[in-house]
Amino acid sequence: MENQEKSSCLCGVSEYMVLACSGACDLGQITDIVARKLRDNEVRKMNCLAVVGAGIEKSIEDFKKKNILMLDGCPIDCGKQILDKAGFKDYKYLRVTDLGYKKGQTPVNEEVIKNVYDTAEIIY
């Protein structure tokens, strides 16, 4: 069973992908929700940033061939740093604090999620 779990992943790769730094703060929660909405609305396929951080070479090479949107919540840019360290060069990027939201001070509500989603949805 362990080998089967390692070889099969519920995530997939499509031409348009979204990755999110789902950090522990309010903005991380927002990026995660927005990425899932992009997936649910079939705008982009959500995939796992941890795969890149873990150095899973096959996935990294597959991802590098795709149109990726990286969502980071705050200026620490964890997601961006993970992609950069893995050698990603050409990807789209959205940082939630660039939209005026503040880490630790932003309510996770429909209005904020909609605003971030509306911004992310049109990035190609």
PDB file of N, CA and C in Angstrom:
ATOM      1  N   MET A   1       0.827  -1.197   0.000  1.00  0.00           N
ATOM      2  CA  MET A   1       0.000   0.000   0.000  1.00  0.00           C
ATOM      3  C   MET A   1       0.869   1.257   0.000  1.00  0.00           C
ATOM      4  N   GLU A   2       1.951   1.236   0.748  1.00  0.00           N
ATOM      5  CA  GLU A   2       2.805   2.414   0.816  1.00  0.00           C
ATOM      6  C   GLU A   2       3.352   2.796  -0.556  1.00  0.00           C
ATOM      7  N   ASN A   3       3.821   1.820  -1.337  1.00  0.00           N
ATOM      8  CA  ASN A   3       4.340   2.109  -2.669  1.00  0.00           C
ATOM      9  C   ASN A   3       3.265   2.640  -3.593  1.00  0.00           C
ATOM     10  N   GLN A   4       2.059   2.109  -3.468  1.00  0.00           N
ATOM     11  CA  GLN A   4       0.951   2.569  -4.300  1.00  0.00           C
ATOM     12  C   GLN A   4       0.641   4.028  -3.990  1.00  0.00           C
ATOM     13  N   GLU A   5       0.630   4.400  -2.724  1.00  0.00           N
ATOM     14  CA  GLU A   5       0.357   5.783  -2.351  1.00  0.00           C
ATOM     15  C   GLU A   5       1.418   6.722  -2.888  1.00  0.00           C
ATOM     16  N   LYS A   6       2.661   6.309  -2.890  1.00  0.00           N
ATOM     17  CA  LYS A   6       3.739   7.151  -3.378  1.00  0.00           C
ATOM     18  C   LYS A   6       3.678   7.351  -4.882  1.00  0.00           C
ATOM     19  N   SER A   7       3.178   6.351  -5.602  1.00  0.00           N
ATOM     20  CA  SER A   7       3.164   6.457  -7.054  1.00  0.00           C
ATOM     21  C   SER A   7       1.918   7.147  -7.591  1.00  0.00           C
ATOM     22  N   SER A   8       0.883   7.276  -6.788  1.00  0.00           N
ATOM     23  CA  SER A   8      -0.327   7.928  -7.273  1.00  0.00           C
ATOM     24  C   SER A   8      -0.601   9.184  -6.465  1.00  0.00           C
ATOM     25  N   CYS A   9      -0.867  10.238  -7.186  1.00  0.00           N
ATOM     26  CA  CYS A   9      -1.116  11.530  -6.555  1.00  0.00           C
ATOM     27  C   CYS A   9      -2.468  12.030  -7.031  1.00  0.00           C
ATOM     28  N   LEU A  10      -3.213  12.649  -6.173  1.00  0.00           N
ATOM     29  CA  LEU A  10      -4.533  13.154  -6.553  1.00  0.00           C
ATOM     30  C   LEU A  10      -4.444  14.434  -7.373  1.00  0.00           C
ATOM     31  N   CYS A  11      -3.312  15.105  -7.308  1.00  0.00           N
ATOM     32  CA  CYS A  11      -3.157  16.317  -8.091  1.00  0.00           C
ATOM     33  C   CYS A  11      -2.735  15.938  -9.504  1.00  0.00           C
ATOM     34  N   GLY A  12      -2.827  16.863 -10.410  1.00  0.00           N
ATOM     35  CA  GLY A  12      -2.460  16.574 -11.786  1.00  0.00           C
ATOM     36  C   GLY A  12      -1.831  17.785 -12.424  1.00  0.00           C
ATOM     37  N   VAL A  13      -1.394  17.605 -13.631  1.00  0.00           N
ATOM     38  CA  VAL A  13      -0.737  18.687 -14.348  1.00  0.00           C
ATOM     39  C   VAL A  13      -1.587  19.038 -15.563  1.00  0.00           C
ATOM     40  N   SER A  14      -1.870  20.308 -15.719  1.00  0.00           N
ATOM     41  CA  SER A  14      -2.534  20.782 -16.922  1.00  0.00           C
ATOM     42  C   SER A  14      -1.735  21.968 -17.434  1.00  0.00           C
ATOM     43  N   GLU A  15      -2.108  22.496 -18.574  1.00  0.00           N
ATOM     44  CA  GLU A  15      -1.357  23.612 -19.152  1.00  0.00           C
ATOM     45  C   GLU A  15      -1.294  24.806 -18.201  1.00  0.00           C
ATOM     46  N   TYR A  16      -2.396  25.108 -17.520  1.00  0.00           N
ATOM     47  CA  TYR A  16      -2.467  26.248 -16.607  1.00  0.00           C
ATOM     48  C   TYR A  16      -2.566  25.738 -15.179  1.00  0.00           C
ATOM     49  N   MET A  17      -1.556  26.064 -14.380  1.00  0.00           N
ATOM     50  CA  MET A  17      -1.503  25.584 -13.001  1.00  0.00           C
ATOM     51  C   MET A  17      -1.458  26.751 -12.028  1.00  0.00           C
ATOM     52  N   VAL A  18      -1.909  26.491 -10.809  1.00  0.00           N
ATOM     53  CA  VAL A  18      -1.769  27.446  -9.722  1.00  0.00           C
ATOM     54  C   VAL A  18      -1.147  26.722  -8.536  1.00  0.00           C
ATOM     55  N   LEU A  19      -0.211  27.414  -7.898  1.00  0.00           N
ATOM     56  CA  LEU A  19       0.412  26.950  -6.665  1.00  0.00           C
ATOM     57  C   LEU A  19       0.191  28.037  -5.627  1.00  0.00           C
ATOM     58  N   ALA A  20       0.021  27.642  -4.378  1.00  0.00           N
ATOM     59  CA  ALA A  20      -0.218  28.630  -3.322  1.00  0.00           C
ATOM     60  C   ALA A  20       0.658  28.352  -2.127  1.00  0.00           C
ATOM     61  N   CYS A  21       1.189  29.427  -1.557  1.00  0.00           N
ATOM     62  CA  CYS A  21       1.844  29.316  -0.262  1.00  0.00           C
ATOM     63  C   CYS A  21       0.708  29.395   0.754  1.00  0.00           C
ATOM     64  N   SER A  22       0.324  28.249   1.269  1.00  0.00           N
ATOM     65  CA  SER A  22      -0.812  28.178   2.196  1.00  0.00           C
ATOM     66  C   SER A  22      -0.318  28.348   3.632  1.00  0.00           C
ATOM     67  N   GLY A  23       0.387  29.435   3.865  1.00  0.00           N
ATOM     68  CA  GLY A  23       1.014  29.687   5.156  1.00  0.00           C
ATOM     69  C   GLY A  23       0.025  29.755   6.310  1.00  0.00           C
ATOM     70  N   ALA A  24       0.550  29.925   7.500  1.00  0.00           N
ATOM     71  CA  ALA A  24      -0.247  29.856   8.725  1.00  0.00           C
ATOM     72  C   ALA A  24      -1.034  31.128   9.020  1.00  0.00           C
ATOM     73  N   CYS A  25      -0.774  32.199   8.317  1.00  0.00           N
ATOM     74  CA  CYS A  25      -1.467  33.460   8.611  1.00  0.00           C
ATOM     75  C   CYS A  25      -2.737  33.603   7.763  1.00  0.00           C
ATOM     76  N   ASP A  26      -3.447  34.669   8.002  1.00  0.00           N
ATOM     77  CA  ASP A  26      -4.682  34.959   7.280  1.00  0.00           C
ATOM     78  C   ASP A  26      -4.458  35.029   5.769  1.00  0.00           C
ATOM     79  N   LEU A  27      -3.363  35.611   5.346  1.00  0.00           N
ATOM     80  CA  LEU A  27      -3.112  35.748   3.913  1.00  0.00           C
ATOM     81  C   LEU A  27      -2.792  34.407   3.268  1.00  0.00           C
ATOM     82  N   GLY A  28      -2.155  33.511   4.002  1.00  0.00           N
ATOM     83  CA  GLY A  28      -1.916  32.156   3.502  1.00  0.00           C
ATOM     84  C   GLY A  28      -3.219  31.411   3.304  1.00  0.00           C
ATOM     85  N   GLN A  29      -4.132  31.596   4.244  1.00  0.00           N
ATOM     86  CA  GLN A  29      -5.444  30.959   4.111  1.00  0.00           C
ATOM     87  C   GLN A  29      -6.166  31.496   2.881  1.00  0.00           C
ATOM     88  N   ILE A  30      -6.041  32.785   2.640  1.00  0.00           N
ATOM     89  CA  ILE A  30      -6.685  33.402   1.479  1.00  0.00           C
ATOM     90  C   ILE A  30      -6.090  32.858   0.181  1.00  0.00           C
ATOM     91  N   THR A  31      -4.759  32.741   0.097  1.00  0.00           N
ATOM     92  CA  THR A  31      -4.157  32.226  -1.137  1.00  0.00           C
ATOM     93  C   THR A  31      -4.603  30.789  -1.390  1.00  0.00           C
ATOM     94  N   ASP A  32      -4.733  30.006  -0.328  1.00  0.00           N
ATOM     95  CA  ASP A  32      -5.175  28.625  -0.476  1.00  0.00           C
ATOM     96  C   ASP A  32      -6.618  28.567  -0.992  1.00  0.00           C
ATOM     97  N   ILE A  33      -7.483  29.369  -0.416  1.00  0.00           N
ATOM     98  CA  ILE A  33      -8.886  29.394  -0.841  1.00  0.00           C
ATOM     99  C   ILE A  33      -9.001  29.856  -2.293  1.00  0.00           C
ATOM    100  N   VAL A  34      -8.245  30.885  -2.653  1.00  0.00           N
ATOM    101  CA  VAL A  34      -8.289  31.401  -4.024  1.00  0.00           C
ATOM    102  C   VAL A  34      -7.784  30.341  -5.006  1.00  0.00           C
ATOM    103  N   ALA A  35      -6.702  29.660  -4.668  1.00  0.00           N
ATOM    104  CA  ALA A  35      -6.185  28.601  -5.551  1.00  0.00           C
ATOM    105  C   ALA A  35      -7.233  27.513  -5.748  1.00  0.00           C
ATOM    106  N   ARG A  36      -7.924  27.148  -4.679  1.00  0.00           N
ATOM    107  CA  ARG A  36      -8.958  26.117  -4.783  1.00  0.00           C
ATOM    108  C   ARG A  36     -10.150  26.586  -5.612  1.00  0.00           C
ATOM    109  N   LYS A  37     -10.483  27.867  -5.506  1.00  0.00           N
ATOM    110  CA  LYS A  37     -11.566  28.399  -6.337  1.00  0.00           C
ATOM    111  C   LYS A  37     -11.169  28.417  -7.812  1.00  0.00           C
ATOM    112  N   LEU A  38      -9.924  28.772  -8.096  1.00  0.00           N
ATOM    113  CA  LEU A  38      -9.447  28.732  -9.481  1.00  0.00           C
ATOM    114  C   LEU A  38      -9.551  27.309 -10.025  1.00  0.00           C
ATOM    115  N   ARG A  39      -9.223  26.343  -9.184  1.00  0.00           N
ATOM    116  CA  ARG A  39      -9.348  24.929  -9.565  1.00  0.00           C
ATOM    117  C   ARG A  39     -10.813  24.550  -9.771  1.00  0.00           C
ATOM    118  N   ASP A  40     -11.651  24.882  -8.794  1.00  0.00           N
ATOM    119  CA  ASP A  40     -13.062  24.499  -8.860  1.00  0.00           C
ATOM    120  C   ASP A  40     -13.778  25.122 -10.046  1.00  0.00           C
ATOM    121  N   ASN A  41     -13.359  26.329 -10.428  1.00  0.00           N
ATOM    122  CA  ASN A  41     -13.964  27.015 -11.571  1.00  0.00           C
ATOM    123  C   ASN A  41     -13.263  26.663 -12.883  1.00  0.00           C
ATOM    124  N   GLU A  42     -12.330  25.722 -12.812  1.00  0.00           N
ATOM    125  CA  GLU A  42     -11.604  25.215 -13.979  1.00  0.00           C
ATOM    126  C   GLU A  42     -10.829  26.293 -14.728  1.00  0.00           C
ATOM    127  N   VAL A  43     -10.331  27.280 -13.963  1.00  0.00           N
ATOM    128  CA  VAL A  43      -9.483  28.319 -14.537  1.00  0.00           C
ATOM    129  C   VAL A  43      -8.046  27.806 -14.616  1.00  0.00           C
ATOM    130  N   ARG A  44      -7.596  27.159 -13.551  1.00  0.00           N
ATOM    131  CA  ARG A  44      -6.261  26.576 -13.459  1.00  0.00           C
ATOM    132  C   ARG A  44      -6.340  25.297 -12.644  1.00  0.00           C
ATOM    133  N   LYS A  45      -5.428  24.398 -12.867  1.00  0.00           N
ATOM    134  CA  LYS A  45      -5.328  23.171 -12.081  1.00  0.00           C
ATOM    135  C   LYS A  45      -4.451  23.485 -10.866  1.00  0.00           C
ATOM    136  N   MET A  46      -4.969  23.243  -9.685  1.00  0.00           N
ATOM    137  CA  MET A  46      -4.175  23.470  -8.476  1.00  0.00           C
ATOM    138  C   MET A  46      -3.213  22.309  -8.300  1.00  0.00           C
ATOM    139  N   ASN A  47      -2.001  22.650  -7.936  1.00  0.00           N
ATOM    140  CA  ASN A  47      -1.031  21.611  -7.666  1.00  0.00           C
ATOM    141  C   ASN A  47      -0.297  21.930  -6.384  1.00  0.00           C
ATOM    142  N   CYS A  48       0.607  21.051  -6.017  1.00  0.00           N
ATOM    143  CA  CYS A  48       1.205  21.033  -4.690  1.00  0.00           C
ATOM    144  C   CYS A  48       2.575  21.711  -4.676  1.00  0.00           C
ATOM    145  N   LEU A  49       2.687  22.825  -3.989  1.00  0.00           N
ATOM    146  CA  LEU A  49       3.963  23.514  -3.839  1.00  0.00           C
ATOM    147  C   LEU A  49       4.961  22.668  -3.054  1.00  0.00           C
ATOM    148  N   ALA A  50       4.467  21.846  -2.143  1.00  0.00           N
ATOM    149  CA  ALA A  50       5.355  20.993  -1.345  1.00  0.00           C
ATOM    150  C   ALA A  50       6.139  20.022  -2.215  1.00  0.00           C
ATOM    151  N   VAL A  51       5.580  19.603  -3.340  1.00  0.00           N
ATOM    152  CA  VAL A  51       6.288  18.719  -4.269  1.00  0.00           C
ATOM    153  C   VAL A  51       7.570  19.399  -4.750  1.00  0.00           C
ATOM    154  N   VAL A  52       7.472  20.684  -5.030  1.00  0.00           N
ATOM    155  CA  VAL A  52       8.648  21.438  -5.484  1.00  0.00           C
ATOM    156  C   VAL A  52       9.632  21.584  -4.325  1.00  0.00           C
ATOM    157  N   GLY A  53       9.125  21.961  -3.158  1.00  0.00           N
ATOM    158  CA  GLY A  53       9.990  22.118  -1.993  1.00  0.00           C
ATOM    159  C   GLY A  53      10.698  20.834  -1.609  1.00  0.00           C
ATOM    160  N   ALA A  54      10.047  19.702  -1.836  1.00  0.00           N
ATOM    161  CA  ALA A  54      10.633  18.401  -1.514  1.00  0.00           C
ATOM    162  C   ALA A  54      11.626  17.934  -2.578  1.00  0.00           C
ATOM    163  N   GLY A  55      11.673  18.648  -3.703  1.00  0.00           N
ATOM    164  CA  GLY A  55      12.627  18.307  -4.744  1.00  0.00           C
ATOM    165  C   GLY A  55      12.248  17.091  -5.575  1.00  0.00           C
ATOM    166  N   ILE A  56      10.958  16.851  -5.754  1.00  0.00           N
ATOM    167  CA  ILE A  56      10.504  15.714  -6.555  1.00  0.00           C
ATOM    168  C   ILE A  56      10.743  16.054  -8.032  1.00  0.00           C
ATOM    169  N   GLU A  57      11.874  15.571  -8.555  1.00  0.00           N
ATOM    170  CA  GLU A  57      12.367  16.001  -9.869  1.00  0.00           C
ATOM    171  C   GLU A  57      11.377  15.787 -11.015  1.00  0.00           C
ATOM    172  N   LYS A  58      10.715  14.640 -11.078  1.00  0.00           N
ATOM    173  CA  LYS A  58       9.785  14.397 -12.178  1.00  0.00           C
ATOM    174  C   LYS A  58       8.686  15.455 -12.198  1.00  0.00           C
ATOM    175  N   SER A  59       8.113  15.755 -11.037  1.00  0.00           N
ATOM    176  CA  SER A  59       7.062  16.777 -10.966  1.00  0.00           C
ATOM    177  C   SER A  59       7.612  18.151 -11.308  1.00  0.00           C
ATOM    178  N   ILE A  60       8.796  18.473 -10.798  1.00  0.00           N
ATOM    179  CA  ILE A  60       9.402  19.780 -11.076  1.00  0.00           C
ATOM    180  C   ILE A  60       9.594  19.957 -12.581  1.00  0.00           C
ATOM    181  N   GLU A  61      10.119  18.949 -13.241  1.00  0.00           N
ATOM    182  CA  GLU A  61      10.336  19.049 -14.688  1.00  0.00           C
ATOM    183  C   GLU A  61       9.005  19.167 -15.436  1.00  0.00           C
ATOM    184  N   ASP A  62       7.979  18.439 -15.001  1.00  0.00           N
ATOM    185  CA  ASP A  62       6.647  18.571 -15.603  1.00  0.00           C
ATOM    186  C   ASP A  62       6.095  19.974 -15.388  1.00  0.00           C
ATOM    187  N   PHE A  63       6.233  20.486 -14.171  1.00  0.00           N
ATOM    188  CA  PHE A  63       5.702  21.813 -13.840  1.00  0.00           C
ATOM    189  C   PHE A  63       6.376  22.902 -14.671  1.00  0.00           C
ATOM    190  N   LYS A  64       7.671  22.778 -14.903  1.00  0.00           N
ATOM    191  CA  LYS A  64       8.418  23.811 -15.625  1.00  0.00           C
ATOM    192  C   LYS A  64       7.912  23.995 -17.053  1.00  0.00           C
ATOM    193  N   LYS A  65       7.205  23.030 -17.574  1.00  0.00           N
ATOM    194  CA  LYS A  65       6.671  23.112 -18.935  1.00  0.00           C
ATOM    195  C   LYS A  65       5.307  23.796 -18.983  1.00  0.00           C
ATOM    196  N   LYS A  66       4.764  24.184 -17.821  1.00  0.00           N
ATOM    197  CA  LYS A  66       3.400  24.704 -17.732  1.00  0.00           C
ATOM    198  C   LYS A  66       3.372  26.196 -17.448  1.00  0.00           C
ATOM    199  N   ASN A  67       2.207  26.776 -17.651  1.00  0.00           N
ATOM    200  CA  ASN A  67       1.940  28.169 -17.309  1.00  0.00           C
ATOM    201  C   ASN A  67       1.524  28.174 -15.837  1.00  0.00           C
ATOM    202  N   ILE A  68       2.423  28.629 -14.976  1.00  0.00           N
ATOM    203  CA  ILE A  68       2.192  28.577 -13.529  1.00  0.00           C
ATOM    204  C   ILE A  68       1.878  29.965 -12.987  1.00  0.00           C
ATOM    205  N   LEU A  69       0.879  30.023 -12.123  1.00  0.00           N
ATOM    206  CA  LEU A  69       0.595  31.199 -11.326  1.00  0.00           C
ATOM    207  C   LEU A  69       0.931  30.842  -9.884  1.00  0.00           C
ATOM    208  N   MET A  70       1.872  31.574  -9.294  1.00  0.00           N
ATOM    209  CA  MET A  70       2.263  31.372  -7.902  1.00  0.00           C
ATOM    210  C   MET A  70       1.578  32.440  -7.064  1.00  0.00           C
ATOM    211  N   LEU A  71       0.818  32.009  -6.044  1.00  0.00           N
ATOM    212  CA  LEU A  71       0.155  32.925  -5.128  1.00  0.00           C
ATOM    213  C   LEU A  71       0.891  32.919  -3.793  1.00  0.00           C
ATOM    214  N   ASP A  72       1.410  34.072  -3.400  1.00  0.00           N
ATOM    215  CA  ASP A  72       2.029  34.245  -2.087  1.00  0.00           C
ATOM    216  C   ASP A  72       1.185  35.229  -1.301  1.00  0.00           C
ATOM    217  N   GLY A  73       1.135  35.028  -0.002  1.00  0.00           N
ATOM    218  CA  GLY A  73       0.354  35.929   0.828  1.00  0.00           C
ATOM    219  C   GLY A  73       1.095  37.187   1.218  1.00  0.00           C
ATOM    220  N   CYS A  74       2.354  37.045   1.588  1.00  0.00           N
ATOM    221  CA  CYS A  74       3.077  38.171   2.184  1.00  0.00           C
ATOM    222  C   CYS A  74       4.446  38.367   1.550  1.00  0.00           C
ATOM    223  N   PRO A  75       5.146  39.431   1.919  1.00  0.00           N
ATOM    224  CA  PRO A  75       6.436  39.753   1.308  1.00  0.00           C
ATOM    225  C   PRO A  75       7.584  38.806   1.660  1.00  0.00           C
ATOM    226  N   ILE A  76       7.353  37.822   2.499  1.00  0.00           N
ATOM    227  CA  ILE A  76       8.409  36.840   2.742  1.00  0.00           C
ATOM    228  C   ILE A  76       8.620  36.007   1.476  1.00  0.00           C
ATOM    229  N   ASP A  77       7.576  35.899   0.653  1.00  0.00           N
ATOM    230  CA  ASP A  77       7.658  35.262  -0.670  1.00  0.00           C
ATOM    231  C   ASP A  77       8.124  33.811  -0.607  1.00  0.00           C
ATOM    232  N   CYS A  78       7.596  33.035   0.318  1.00  0.00           N
ATOM    233  CA  CYS A  78       8.009  31.632   0.450  1.00  0.00           C
ATOM    234  C   CYS A  78       7.803  30.849  -0.842  1.00  0.00           C
ATOM    235  N   GLY A  79       6.640  30.989  -1.448  1.00  0.00           N
ATOM    236  CA  GLY A  79       6.370  30.265  -2.683  1.00  0.00           C
ATOM    237  C   GLY A  79       7.321  30.661  -3.795  1.00  0.00           C
ATOM    238  N   LYS A  80       7.533  31.959  -3.955  1.00  0.00           N
ATOM    239  CA  LYS A  80       8.448  32.461  -4.979  1.00  0.00           C
ATOM    240  C   LYS A  80       9.857  31.933  -4.732  1.00  0.00           C
ATOM    241  N   GLN A  81      10.292  31.946  -3.487  1.00  0.00           N
ATOM    242  CA  GLN A  81      11.635  31.454  -3.167  1.00  0.00           C
ATOM    243  C   GLN A  81      11.776  29.958  -3.475  1.00  0.00           C
ATOM    244  N   ILE A  82      10.740  29.195  -3.181  1.00  0.00           N
ATOM    245  CA  ILE A  82      10.775  27.757  -3.488  1.00  0.00           C
ATOM    246  C   ILE A  82      10.919  27.546  -4.993  1.00  0.00           C
ATOM    247  N   LEU A  83      10.115  28.261  -5.785  1.00  0.00           N
ATOM    248  CA  LEU A  83      10.200  28.109  -7.239  1.00  0.00           C
ATOM    249  C   LEU A  83      11.562  28.563  -7.763  1.00  0.00           C
ATOM    250  N   ASP A  84      12.032  29.705  -7.280  1.00  0.00           N
ATOM    251  CA  ASP A  84      13.320  30.223  -7.749  1.00  0.00           C
ATOM    252  C   ASP A  84      14.458  29.251  -7.432  1.00  0.00           C
ATOM    253  N   LYS A  85      14.465  28.699  -6.221  1.00  0.00           N
ATOM    254  CA  LYS A  85      15.520  27.758  -5.836  1.00  0.00           C
ATOM    255  C   LYS A  85      15.468  26.472  -6.644  1.00  0.00           C
ATOM    256  N   ALA A  86      14.284  26.123  -7.145  1.00  0.00           N
ATOM    257  CA  ALA A  86      14.143  24.919  -7.966  1.00  0.00           C
ATOM    258  C   ALA A  86      14.423  25.202  -9.444  1.00  0.00           C
ATOM    259  N   GLY A  87      14.792  26.439  -9.762  1.00  0.00           N
ATOM    260  CA  GLY A  87      15.170  26.771 -11.128  1.00  0.00           C
ATOM    261  C   GLY A  87      14.046  27.226 -12.037  1.00  0.00           C
ATOM    262  N   PHE A  88      12.887  27.553 -11.481  1.00  0.00           N
ATOM    263  CA  PHE A  88      11.791  28.074 -12.303  1.00  0.00           C
ATOM    264  C   PHE A  88      12.136  29.491 -12.741  1.00  0.00           C
ATOM    265  N   LYS A  89      11.896  29.787 -14.001  1.00  0.00           N
ATOM    266  CA  LYS A  89      12.231  31.107 -14.536  1.00  0.00           C
ATOM    267  C   LYS A  89      11.006  31.882 -15.008  1.00  0.00           C
ATOM    268  N   ASP A  90      10.105  31.194 -15.670  1.00  0.00           N
ATOM    269  CA  ASP A  90       9.001  31.873 -16.344  1.00  0.00           C
ATOM    270  C   ASP A  90       7.675  31.467 -15.716  1.00  0.00           C
ATOM    271  N   TYR A  91       7.242  32.228 -14.705  1.00  0.00           N
ATOM    272  CA  TYR A  91       5.958  31.953 -14.079  1.00  0.00           C
ATOM    273  C   TYR A  91       5.310  33.280 -13.696  1.00  0.00           C
ATOM    274  N   LYS A  92       3.984  33.239 -13.555  1.00  0.00           N
ATOM    275  CA  LYS A  92       3.218  34.412 -13.153  1.00  0.00           C
ATOM    276  C   LYS A  92       3.222  34.470 -11.626  1.00  0.00           C
ATOM    277  N   TYR A  93       3.053  35.668 -11.084  1.00  0.00           N
ATOM    278  CA  TYR A  93       3.184  35.829  -9.645  1.00  0.00           C
ATOM    279  C   TYR A  93       2.185  36.848  -9.114  1.00  0.00           C
ATOM    280  N   LEU A  94       1.569  36.516  -7.984  1.00  0.00           N
ATOM    281  CA  LEU A  94       0.687  37.454  -7.294  1.00  0.00           C
ATOM    282  C   LEU A  94       0.955  37.361  -5.799  1.00  0.00           C
ATOM    283  N   ARG A  95       1.257  38.513  -5.207  1.00  0.00           N
ATOM    284  CA  ARG A  95       1.453  38.618  -3.763  1.00  0.00           C
ATOM    285  C   ARG A  95       0.264  39.407  -3.201  1.00  0.00           C
ATOM    286  N   VAL A  96      -0.425  38.825  -2.233  1.00  0.00           N
ATOM    287  CA  VAL A  96      -1.662  39.414  -1.711  1.00  0.00           C
ATOM    288  C   VAL A  96      -1.413  40.769  -1.050  1.00  0.00           C
ATOM    289  N   THR A  97      -0.278  40.958  -0.390  1.00  0.00           N
ATOM    290  CA  THR A  97      -0.010  42.254   0.239  1.00  0.00           C
ATOM    291  C   THR A  97       0.133  43.364  -0.803  1.00  0.00           C
ATOM    292  N   ASP A  98       0.458  43.013  -2.039  1.00  0.00           N
ATOM    293  CA  ASP A  98       0.536  44.024  -3.099  1.00  0.00           C
ATOM    294  C   ASP A  98      -0.838  44.593  -3.446  1.00  0.00           C
ATOM    295  N   LEU A  99      -1.895  43.915  -2.992  1.00  0.00           N
ATOM    296  CA  LEU A  99      -3.260  44.397  -3.218  1.00  0.00           C
ATOM    297  C   LEU A  99      -3.731  45.274  -2.054  1.00  0.00           C
ATOM    298  N   GLY A 100      -2.837  45.531  -1.094  1.00  0.00           N
ATOM    299  CA  GLY A 100      -3.167  46.411   0.019  1.00  0.00           C
ATOM    300  C   GLY A 100      -3.556  45.707   1.310  1.00  0.00           C
ATOM    301  N   TYR A 101      -3.560  44.396   1.305  1.00  0.00           N
ATOM    302  CA  TYR A 101      -3.921  43.652   2.515  1.00  0.00           C
ATOM    303  C   TYR A 101      -2.705  43.505   3.418  1.00  0.00           C
ATOM    304  N   LYS A 102      -2.954  43.428   4.725  1.00  0.00           N
ATOM    305  CA  LYS A 102      -1.872  43.343   5.700  1.00  0.00           C
ATOM    306  C   LYS A 102      -1.900  41.997   6.422  1.00  0.00           C
ATOM    307  N   LYS A 103      -0.722  41.422   6.540  1.00  0.00           N
ATOM    308  CA  LYS A 103      -0.562  40.144   7.232  1.00  0.00           C
ATOM    309  C   LYS A 103      -0.979  40.295   8.691  1.00  0.00           C
ATOM    310  N   GLY A 104      -1.827  39.375   9.150  1.00  0.00           N
ATOM    311  CA  GLY A 104      -2.287  39.406  10.535  1.00  0.00           C
ATOM    312  C   GLY A 104      -3.419  40.388  10.801  1.00  0.00           C
ATOM    313  N   GLN A 105      -3.847  41.105   9.756  1.00  0.00           N
ATOM    314  CA  GLN A 105      -4.892  42.112   9.932  1.00  0.00           C
ATOM    315  C   GLN A 105      -6.002  42.008   8.891  1.00  0.00           C
ATOM    316  N   THR A 106      -6.001  40.942   8.120  1.00  0.00           N
ATOM    317  CA  THR A 106      -6.956  40.822   7.023  1.00  0.00           C
ATOM    318  C   THR A 106      -7.988  39.745   7.331  1.00  0.00           C
ATOM    319  N   PRO A 107      -9.255  40.131   7.357  1.00  0.00           N
ATOM    320  CA  PRO A 107     -10.283  39.114   7.597  1.00  0.00           C
ATOM    321  C   PRO A 107     -10.392  38.154   6.410  1.00  0.00           C
ATOM    322  N   VAL A 108     -10.557  36.903   6.713  1.00  0.00           N
ATOM    323  CA  VAL A 108     -10.764  35.894   5.669  1.00  0.00           C
ATOM    324  C   VAL A 108     -12.267  35.844   5.432  1.00  0.00           C
ATOM    325  N   ASN A 109     -12.714  36.677   4.495  1.00  0.00           N
ATOM    326  CA  ASN A 109     -14.153  36.738   4.220  1.00  0.00           C
ATOM    327  C   ASN A 109     -14.384  36.763   2.707  1.00  0.00           C
ATOM    328  N   GLU A 110     -15.619  36.669   2.321  1.00  0.00           N
ATOM    329  CA  GLU A 110     -15.976  36.584   0.902  1.00  0.00           C
ATOM    330  C   GLU A 110     -15.511  37.797   0.103  1.00  0.00           C
ATOM    331  N   GLU A 111     -15.573  38.988   0.688  1.00  0.00           N
ATOM    332  CA  GLU A 111     -15.169  40.196  -0.030  1.00  0.00           C
ATOM    333  C   GLU A 111     -13.682  40.156  -0.396  1.00  0.00           C
ATOM    334  N   VAL A 112     -12.849  39.802   0.573  1.00  0.00           N
ATOM    335  CA  VAL A 112     -11.409  39.738   0.333  1.00  0.00           C
ATOM    336  C   VAL A 112     -11.092  38.610  -0.656  1.00  0.00           C
ATOM    337  N   ILE A 113     -11.688  37.453  -0.434  1.00  0.00           N
ATOM    338  CA  ILE A 113     -11.453  36.311  -1.321  1.00  0.00           C
ATOM    339  C   ILE A 113     -11.860  36.661  -2.751  1.00  0.00           C
ATOM    340  N   LYS A 114     -13.002  37.303  -2.920  1.00  0.00           N
ATOM    341  CA  LYS A 114     -13.461  37.686  -4.257  1.00  0.00           C
ATOM    342  C   LYS A 114     -12.490  38.659  -4.918  1.00  0.00           C
ATOM    343  N   ASN A 115     -12.007  39.640  -4.163  1.00  0.00           N
ATOM    344  CA  ASN A 115     -11.080  40.616  -4.732  1.00  0.00           C
ATOM    345  C   ASN A 115      -9.781  39.949  -5.188  1.00  0.00           C
ATOM    346  N   VAL A 116      -9.223  39.076  -4.357  1.00  0.00           N
ATOM    347  CA  VAL A 116      -7.988  38.384  -4.729  1.00  0.00           C
ATOM    348  C   VAL A 116      -8.259  37.437  -5.900  1.00  0.00           C
ATOM    349  N   TYR A 117      -9.367  36.727  -5.843  1.00  0.00           N
ATOM    350  CA  TYR A 117      -9.725  35.814  -6.932  1.00  0.00           C
ATOM    351  C   TYR A 117      -9.872  36.570  -8.255  1.00  0.00           C
ATOM    352  N   ASP A 118     -10.607  37.682  -8.221  1.00  0.00           N
ATOM    353  CA  ASP A 118     -10.820  38.458  -9.465  1.00  0.00           C
ATOM    354  C   ASP A 118      -9.505  38.930 -10.062  1.00  0.00           C
ATOM    355  N   THR A 119      -8.540  39.257  -9.208  1.00  0.00           N
ATOM    356  CA  THR A 119      -7.219  39.669  -9.687  1.00  0.00           C
ATOM    357  C   THR A 119      -6.471  38.474 -10.270  1.00  0.00           C
ATOM    358  N   ALA A 120      -6.492  37.341  -9.581  1.00  0.00           N
ATOM    359  CA  ALA A 120      -5.751  36.155  -9.999  1.00  0.00           C
ATOM    360  C   ALA A 120      -6.346  35.520 -11.259  1.00  0.00           C
ATOM    361  N   GLU A 121      -7.650  35.552 -11.389  1.00  0.00           N
ATOM    362  CA  GLU A 121      -8.333  34.862 -12.482  1.00  0.00           C
ATOM    363  C   GLU A 121      -7.904  35.356 -13.852  1.00  0.00           C
ATOM    364  N   ILE A 122      -7.536  36.619 -13.961  1.00  0.00           N
ATOM    365  CA  ILE A 122      -7.222  37.184 -15.273  1.00  0.00           C
ATOM    366  C   ILE A 122      -5.724  37.165 -15.605  1.00  0.00           C
ATOM    367  N   ILE A 123      -4.905  36.608 -14.732  1.00  0.00           N
ATOM    368  CA  ILE A 123      -3.462  36.551 -14.979  1.00  0.00           C
ATOM    369  C   ILE A 123      -3.156  35.350 -15.862  1.00  0.00           C
ATOM    370  N   TYR A 124      -2.661  35.617 -17.057  1.00  0.00           N
ATOM    371  CA  TYR A 124      -2.238  34.560 -17.968  1.00  0.00           C
ATOM    372  C   TYR A 124      -0.899  34.891 -18.553  1.00  0.00           C
TER     373      TYR A 124
END
